[in-house]
Amino acid sequence: MSNLAEIEAAADALPPEQKQELMLFLAARLRAQGARMPDPRKFTREQTAAWIAEDEADMQRFREGK
């Protein structure tokens, strides 16, 4: 594999357990190279409330079989 597209395709073909292992491997390599964690994202109360309402509506549709 010589480019990111090939690596992404190979990673996509992995089973979930191996994808998780790959993520942990990459995170460890990034930390070892001094990579910085991204700053935490901040959301407004309105955004959070909208996501919760959407999630609850989705659950209701699921329960109704829609």
PDB file of N, CA and C in Angstrom:
ATOM      1  N   MET A   1       0.850  -1.171   0.000  1.00  0.00           N
ATOM      2  CA  MET A   1       0.000   0.000   0.000  1.00  0.00           C
ATOM      3  C   MET A   1       0.893   1.230   0.000  1.00  0.00           C
ATOM      4  N   SER A   2       0.607   2.078  -0.944  1.00  0.00           N
ATOM      5  CA  SER A   2       1.497   3.223  -1.081  1.00  0.00           C
ATOM      6  C   SER A   2       0.792   4.560  -0.942  1.00  0.00           C
ATOM      7  N   ASN A   3      -0.524   4.558  -0.807  1.00  0.00           N
ATOM      8  CA  ASN A   3      -1.186   5.849  -0.643  1.00  0.00           C
ATOM      9  C   ASN A   3      -2.361   5.721   0.330  1.00  0.00           C
ATOM     10  N   LEU A   4      -2.829   6.849   0.767  1.00  0.00           N
ATOM     11  CA  LEU A   4      -3.879   6.878   1.782  1.00  0.00           C
ATOM     12  C   LEU A   4      -5.155   6.186   1.311  1.00  0.00           C
ATOM     13  N   ALA A   5      -5.521   6.344   0.045  1.00  0.00           N
ATOM     14  CA  ALA A   5      -6.742   5.707  -0.462  1.00  0.00           C
ATOM     15  C   ALA A   5      -6.659   4.189  -0.330  1.00  0.00           C
ATOM     16  N   GLU A   6      -5.505   3.609  -0.617  1.00  0.00           N
ATOM     17  CA  GLU A   6      -5.332   2.158  -0.488  1.00  0.00           C
ATOM     18  C   GLU A   6      -5.400   1.735   0.977  1.00  0.00           C
ATOM     19  N   ILE A   7      -4.791   2.527   1.846  1.00  0.00           N
ATOM     20  CA  ILE A   7      -4.813   2.219   3.276  1.00  0.00           C
ATOM     21  C   ILE A   7      -6.237   2.317   3.809  1.00  0.00           C
ATOM     22  N   GLU A   8      -6.969   3.339   3.392  1.00  0.00           N
ATOM     23  CA  GLU A   8      -8.356   3.496   3.831  1.00  0.00           C
ATOM     24  C   GLU A   8      -9.202   2.314   3.365  1.00  0.00           C
ATOM     25  N   ALA A   9      -9.024   1.883   2.135  1.00  0.00           N
ATOM     26  CA  ALA A   9      -9.788   0.748   1.608  1.00  0.00           C
ATOM     27  C   ALA A   9      -9.465  -0.524   2.388  1.00  0.00           C
ATOM     28  N   ALA A  10      -8.195  -0.724   2.705  1.00  0.00           N
ATOM     29  CA  ALA A  10      -7.802  -1.902   3.475  1.00  0.00           C
ATOM     30  C   ALA A  10      -8.379  -1.836   4.887  1.00  0.00           C
ATOM     31  N   ALA A  11      -8.337  -0.663   5.503  1.00  0.00           N
ATOM     32  CA  ALA A  11      -8.888  -0.502   6.852  1.00  0.00           C
ATOM     33  C   ALA A  11     -10.398  -0.739   6.849  1.00  0.00           C
ATOM     34  N   ASP A  12     -11.072  -0.293   5.801  1.00  0.00           N
ATOM     35  CA  ASP A  12     -12.518  -0.470   5.695  1.00  0.00           C
ATOM     36  C   ASP A  12     -12.891  -1.947   5.633  1.00  0.00           C
ATOM     37  N   ALA A  13     -12.006  -2.766   5.090  1.00  0.00           N
ATOM     38  CA  ALA A  13     -12.285  -4.197   4.948  1.00  0.00           C
ATOM     39  C   ALA A  13     -12.046  -4.971   6.240  1.00  0.00           C
ATOM     40  N   LEU A  14     -11.432  -4.352   7.244  1.00  0.00           N
ATOM     41  CA  LEU A  14     -11.145  -5.048   8.498  1.00  0.00           C
ATOM     42  C   LEU A  14     -12.413  -5.286   9.310  1.00  0.00           C
ATOM     43  N   PRO A  15     -12.415  -6.348  10.103  1.00  0.00           N
ATOM     44  CA  PRO A  15     -13.532  -6.540  11.034  1.00  0.00           C
ATOM     45  C   PRO A  15     -13.447  -5.493  12.149  1.00  0.00           C
ATOM     46  N   PRO A  16     -14.561  -5.232  12.836  1.00  0.00           N
ATOM     47  CA  PRO A  16     -14.589  -4.178  13.855  1.00  0.00           C
ATOM     48  C   PRO A  16     -13.482  -4.286  14.903  1.00  0.00           C
ATOM     49  N   GLU A  17     -13.175  -5.493  15.363  1.00  0.00           N
ATOM     50  CA  GLU A  17     -12.146  -5.643  16.395  1.00  0.00           C
ATOM     51  C   GLU A  17     -10.788  -5.164  15.895  1.00  0.00           C
ATOM     52  N   GLN A  18     -10.468  -5.470  14.644  1.00  0.00           N
ATOM     53  CA  GLN A  18      -9.183  -5.053  14.088  1.00  0.00           C
ATOM     54  C   GLN A  18      -9.167  -3.558  13.788  1.00  0.00           C
ATOM     55  N   LYS A  19     -10.318  -2.997  13.437  1.00  0.00           N
ATOM     56  CA  LYS A  19     -10.385  -1.541  13.251  1.00  0.00           C
ATOM     57  C   LYS A  19     -10.067  -0.834  14.559  1.00  0.00           C
ATOM     58  N   GLN A  20     -10.618  -1.358  15.654  1.00  0.00           N
ATOM     59  CA  GLN A  20     -10.350  -0.759  16.958  1.00  0.00           C
ATOM     60  C   GLN A  20      -8.864  -0.894  17.296  1.00  0.00           C
ATOM     61  N   GLU A  21      -8.290  -2.043  17.028  1.00  0.00           N
ATOM     62  CA  GLU A  21      -6.868  -2.252  17.284  1.00  0.00           C
ATOM     63  C   GLU A  21      -6.023  -1.274  16.463  1.00  0.00           C
ATOM     64  N   LEU A  22      -6.416  -1.050  15.212  1.00  0.00           N
ATOM     65  CA  LEU A  22      -5.714  -0.102  14.356  1.00  0.00           C
ATOM     66  C   LEU A  22      -5.803   1.317  14.909  1.00  0.00           C
ATOM     67  N   MET A  23      -6.994   1.690  15.388  1.00  0.00           N
ATOM     68  CA  MET A  23      -7.160   3.023  15.978  1.00  0.00           C
ATOM     69  C   MET A  23      -6.240   3.208  17.187  1.00  0.00           C
ATOM     70  N   LEU A  24      -6.178   2.204  18.049  1.00  0.00           N
ATOM     71  CA  LEU A  24      -5.317   2.294  19.224  1.00  0.00           C
ATOM     72  C   LEU A  24      -3.850   2.372  18.824  1.00  0.00           C
ATOM     73  N   PHE A  25      -3.466   1.620  17.811  1.00  0.00           N
ATOM     74  CA  PHE A  25      -2.098   1.658  17.291  1.00  0.00           C
ATOM     75  C   PHE A  25      -1.751   3.062  16.785  1.00  0.00           C
ATOM     76  N   LEU A  26      -2.647   3.627  15.979  1.00  0.00           N
ATOM     77  CA  LEU A  26      -2.393   4.960  15.426  1.00  0.00           C
ATOM     78  C   LEU A  26      -2.349   6.017  16.523  1.00  0.00           C
ATOM     79  N   ALA A  27      -3.242   5.918  17.498  1.00  0.00           N
ATOM     80  CA  ALA A  27      -3.245   6.875  18.602  1.00  0.00           C
ATOM     81  C   ALA A  27      -1.942   6.801  19.383  1.00  0.00           C
ATOM     82  N   ALA A  28      -1.458   5.603  19.630  1.00  0.00           N
ATOM     83  CA  ALA A  28      -0.190   5.438  20.347  1.00  0.00           C
ATOM     84  C   ALA A  28       0.964   6.044  19.556  1.00  0.00           C
ATOM     85  N   ARG A  29       0.966   5.850  18.256  1.00  0.00           N
ATOM     86  CA  ARG A  29       2.035   6.417  17.415  1.00  0.00           C
ATOM     87  C   ARG A  29       1.980   7.949  17.427  1.00  0.00           C
ATOM     88  N   LEU A  30       0.780   8.495  17.349  1.00  0.00           N
ATOM     89  CA  LEU A  30       0.636   9.951  17.377  1.00  0.00           C
ATOM     90  C   LEU A  30       1.125  10.527  18.700  1.00  0.00           C
ATOM     91  N   ARG A  31       0.749   9.874  19.801  1.00  0.00           N
ATOM     92  CA  ARG A  31       1.205  10.347  21.117  1.00  0.00           C
ATOM     93  C   ARG A  31       2.722  10.282  21.215  1.00  0.00           C
ATOM     94  N   ALA A  32       3.312   9.196  20.719  1.00  0.00           N
ATOM     95  CA  ALA A  32       4.759   9.027  20.778  1.00  0.00           C
ATOM     96  C   ALA A  32       5.486  10.100  19.972  1.00  0.00           C
ATOM     97  N   GLN A  33       4.834  10.609  18.943  1.00  0.00           N
ATOM     98  CA  GLN A  33       5.435  11.648  18.101  1.00  0.00           C
ATOM     99  C   GLN A  33       5.099  13.046  18.597  1.00  0.00           C
ATOM    100  N   GLY A  34       4.442  13.121  19.755  1.00  0.00           N
ATOM    101  CA  GLY A  34       4.144  14.419  20.342  1.00  0.00           C
ATOM    102  C   GLY A  34       2.916  15.105  19.783  1.00  0.00           C
ATOM    103  N   ALA A  35       2.065  14.358  19.113  1.00  0.00           N
ATOM    104  CA  ALA A  35       0.848  14.961  18.560  1.00  0.00           C
ATOM    105  C   ALA A  35      -0.034  15.448  19.702  1.00  0.00           C
ATOM    106  N   ARG A  36      -0.650  16.567  19.510  1.00  0.00           N
ATOM    107  CA  ARG A  36      -1.509  17.186  20.512  1.00  0.00           C
ATOM    108  C   ARG A  36      -2.951  16.788  20.274  1.00  0.00           C
ATOM    109  N   MET A  37      -3.675  16.570  21.348  1.00  0.00           N
ATOM    110  CA  MET A  37      -5.101  16.275  21.235  1.00  0.00           C
ATOM    111  C   MET A  37      -5.825  17.540  20.787  1.00  0.00           C
ATOM    112  N   PRO A  38      -6.869  17.389  19.979  1.00  0.00           N
ATOM    113  CA  PRO A  38      -7.635  18.575  19.596  1.00  0.00           C
ATOM    114  C   PRO A  38      -8.352  19.157  20.812  1.00  0.00           C
ATOM    115  N   ASP A  39      -8.583  20.450  20.781  1.00  0.00           N
ATOM    116  CA  ASP A  39      -9.317  21.089  21.860  1.00  0.00           C
ATOM    117  C   ASP A  39     -10.734  20.529  21.906  1.00  0.00           C
ATOM    118  N   PRO A  40     -11.308  20.424  23.104  1.00  0.00           N
ATOM    119  CA  PRO A  40     -12.685  19.931  23.200  1.00  0.00           C
ATOM    120  C   PRO A  40     -13.643  20.840  22.437  1.00  0.00           C
ATOM    121  N   ARG A  41     -14.640  20.224  21.830  1.00  0.00           N
ATOM    122  CA  ARG A  41     -15.644  21.009  21.119  1.00  0.00           C
ATOM    123  C   ARG A  41     -16.664  21.509  22.125  1.00  0.00           C
ATOM    124  N   LYS A  42     -17.204  22.668  21.871  1.00  0.00           N
ATOM    125  CA  LYS A  42     -18.200  23.249  22.762  1.00  0.00           C
ATOM    126  C   LYS A  42     -19.513  23.386  22.001  1.00  0.00           C
ATOM    127  N   PHE A  43     -20.593  22.955  22.658  1.00  0.00           N
ATOM    128  CA  PHE A  43     -21.908  23.010  22.054  1.00  0.00           C
ATOM    129  C   PHE A  43     -22.832  23.830  22.942  1.00  0.00           C
ATOM    130  N   THR A  44     -23.747  24.515  22.312  1.00  0.00           N
ATOM    131  CA  THR A  44     -24.712  25.304  23.075  1.00  0.00           C
ATOM    132  C   THR A  44     -25.766  24.383  23.669  1.00  0.00           C
ATOM    133  N   ARG A  45     -26.484  24.900  24.650  1.00  0.00           N
ATOM    134  CA  ARG A  45     -27.591  24.130  25.234  1.00  0.00           C
ATOM    135  C   ARG A  45     -28.633  23.815  24.165  1.00  0.00           C
ATOM    136  N   GLU A  46     -28.844  24.767  23.253  1.00  0.00           N
ATOM    137  CA  GLU A  46     -29.832  24.569  22.195  1.00  0.00           C
ATOM    138  C   GLU A  46     -29.436  23.412  21.280  1.00  0.00           C
ATOM    139  N   GLN A  47     -28.151  23.341  20.922  1.00  0.00           N
ATOM    140  CA  GLN A  47     -27.687  22.252  20.068  1.00  0.00           C
ATOM    141  C   GLN A  47     -27.883  20.909  20.770  1.00  0.00           C
ATOM    142  N   THR A  48     -27.498  20.861  22.024  1.00  0.00           N
ATOM    143  CA  THR A  48     -27.635  19.627  22.790  1.00  0.00           C
ATOM    144  C   THR A  48     -29.102  19.227  22.910  1.00  0.00           C
ATOM    145  N   ALA A  49     -29.957  20.176  23.205  1.00  0.00           N
ATOM    146  CA  ALA A  49     -31.393  19.885  23.328  1.00  0.00           C
ATOM    147  C   ALA A  49     -31.959  19.384  22.001  1.00  0.00           C
ATOM    148  N   ALA A  50     -31.520  19.975  20.900  1.00  0.00           N
ATOM    149  CA  ALA A  50     -31.999  19.537  19.585  1.00  0.00           C
ATOM    150  C   ALA A  50     -31.561  18.107  19.291  1.00  0.00           C
ATOM    151  N   TRP A  51     -30.319  17.757  19.630  1.00  0.00           N
ATOM    152  CA  TRP A  51     -29.840  16.387  19.407  1.00  0.00           C
ATOM    153  C   TRP A  51     -30.614  15.391  20.249  1.00  0.00           C
ATOM    154  N   ILE A  52     -30.887  15.763  21.497  1.00  0.00           N
ATOM    155  CA  ILE A  52     -31.641  14.864  22.370  1.00  0.00           C
ATOM    156  C   ILE A  52     -33.058  14.675  21.828  1.00  0.00           C
ATOM    157  N   ALA A  53     -33.696  15.758  21.414  1.00  0.00           N
ATOM    158  CA  ALA A  53     -35.052  15.663  20.860  1.00  0.00           C
ATOM    159  C   ALA A  53     -35.061  14.791  19.603  1.00  0.00           C
ATOM    160  N   GLU A  54     -34.063  14.961  18.749  1.00  0.00           N
ATOM    161  CA  GLU A  54     -33.973  14.155  17.533  1.00  0.00           C
ATOM    162  C   GLU A  54     -33.785  12.682  17.883  1.00  0.00           C
ATOM    163  N   ASP A  55     -32.935  12.417  18.851  1.00  0.00           N
ATOM    164  CA  ASP A  55     -32.690  11.045  19.279  1.00  0.00           C
ATOM    165  C   ASP A  55     -33.954  10.416  19.844  1.00  0.00           C
ATOM    166  N   GLU A  56     -34.678  11.162  20.658  1.00  0.00           N
ATOM    167  CA  GLU A  56     -35.911  10.649  21.231  1.00  0.00           C
ATOM    168  C   GLU A  56     -36.968  10.393  20.151  1.00  0.00           C
ATOM    169  N   ALA A  57     -37.049  11.272  19.170  1.00  0.00           N
ATOM    170  CA  ALA A  57     -37.990  11.072  18.065  1.00  0.00           C
ATOM    171  C   ALA A  57     -37.606   9.837  17.252  1.00  0.00           C
ATOM    172  N   ASP A  58     -36.313   9.653  17.015  1.00  0.00           N
ATOM    173  CA  ASP A  58     -35.847   8.458  16.306  1.00  0.00           C
ATOM    174  C   ASP A  58     -36.200   7.192  17.071  1.00  0.00           C
ATOM    175  N   MET A  59     -36.024   7.223  18.386  1.00  0.00           N
ATOM    176  CA  MET A  59     -36.353   6.055  19.200  1.00  0.00           C
ATOM    177  C   MET A  59     -37.847   5.770  19.138  1.00  0.00           C
ATOM    178  N   GLN A  60     -38.652   6.793  19.169  1.00  0.00           N
ATOM    179  CA  GLN A  60     -40.108   6.597  19.083  1.00  0.00           C
ATOM    180  C   GLN A  60     -40.492   5.966  17.743  1.00  0.00           C
ATOM    181  N   ARG A  61     -39.898   6.454  16.646  1.00  0.00           N
ATOM    182  CA  ARG A  61     -40.167   5.866  15.335  1.00  0.00           C
ATOM    183  C   ARG A  61     -39.713   4.408  15.292  1.00  0.00           C
ATOM    184  N   PHE A  62     -38.576   4.127  15.903  1.00  0.00           N
ATOM    185  CA  PHE A  62     -38.071   2.758  15.946  1.00  0.00           C
ATOM    186  C   PHE A  62     -39.060   1.853  16.674  1.00  0.00           C
ATOM    187  N   ARG A  63     -39.537   2.314  17.816  1.00  0.00           N
ATOM    188  CA  ARG A  63     -40.482   1.518  18.605  1.00  0.00           C
ATOM    189  C   ARG A  63     -41.787   1.278  17.861  1.00  0.00           C
ATOM    190  N   GLU A  64     -42.178   2.244  17.039  1.00  0.00           N
ATOM    191  CA  GLU A  64     -43.405   2.117  16.261  1.00  0.00           C
ATOM    192  C   GLU A  64     -43.202   1.314  14.985  1.00  0.00           C
ATOM    193  N   GLY A  65     -41.954   0.958  14.713  1.00  0.00           N
ATOM    194  CA  GLY A  65     -41.652   0.160  13.528  1.00  0.00           C
ATOM    195  C   GLY A  65     -41.634   0.941  12.234  1.00  0.00           C
ATOM    196  N   LYS A  66     -41.418   2.244  12.326  1.00  0.00           N
ATOM    197  CA  LYS A  66     -41.412   3.093  11.115  1.00  0.00           C
ATOM    198  C   LYS A  66     -40.026   3.280  10.578  1.00  0.00           C
TER     199      LYS A  66
END
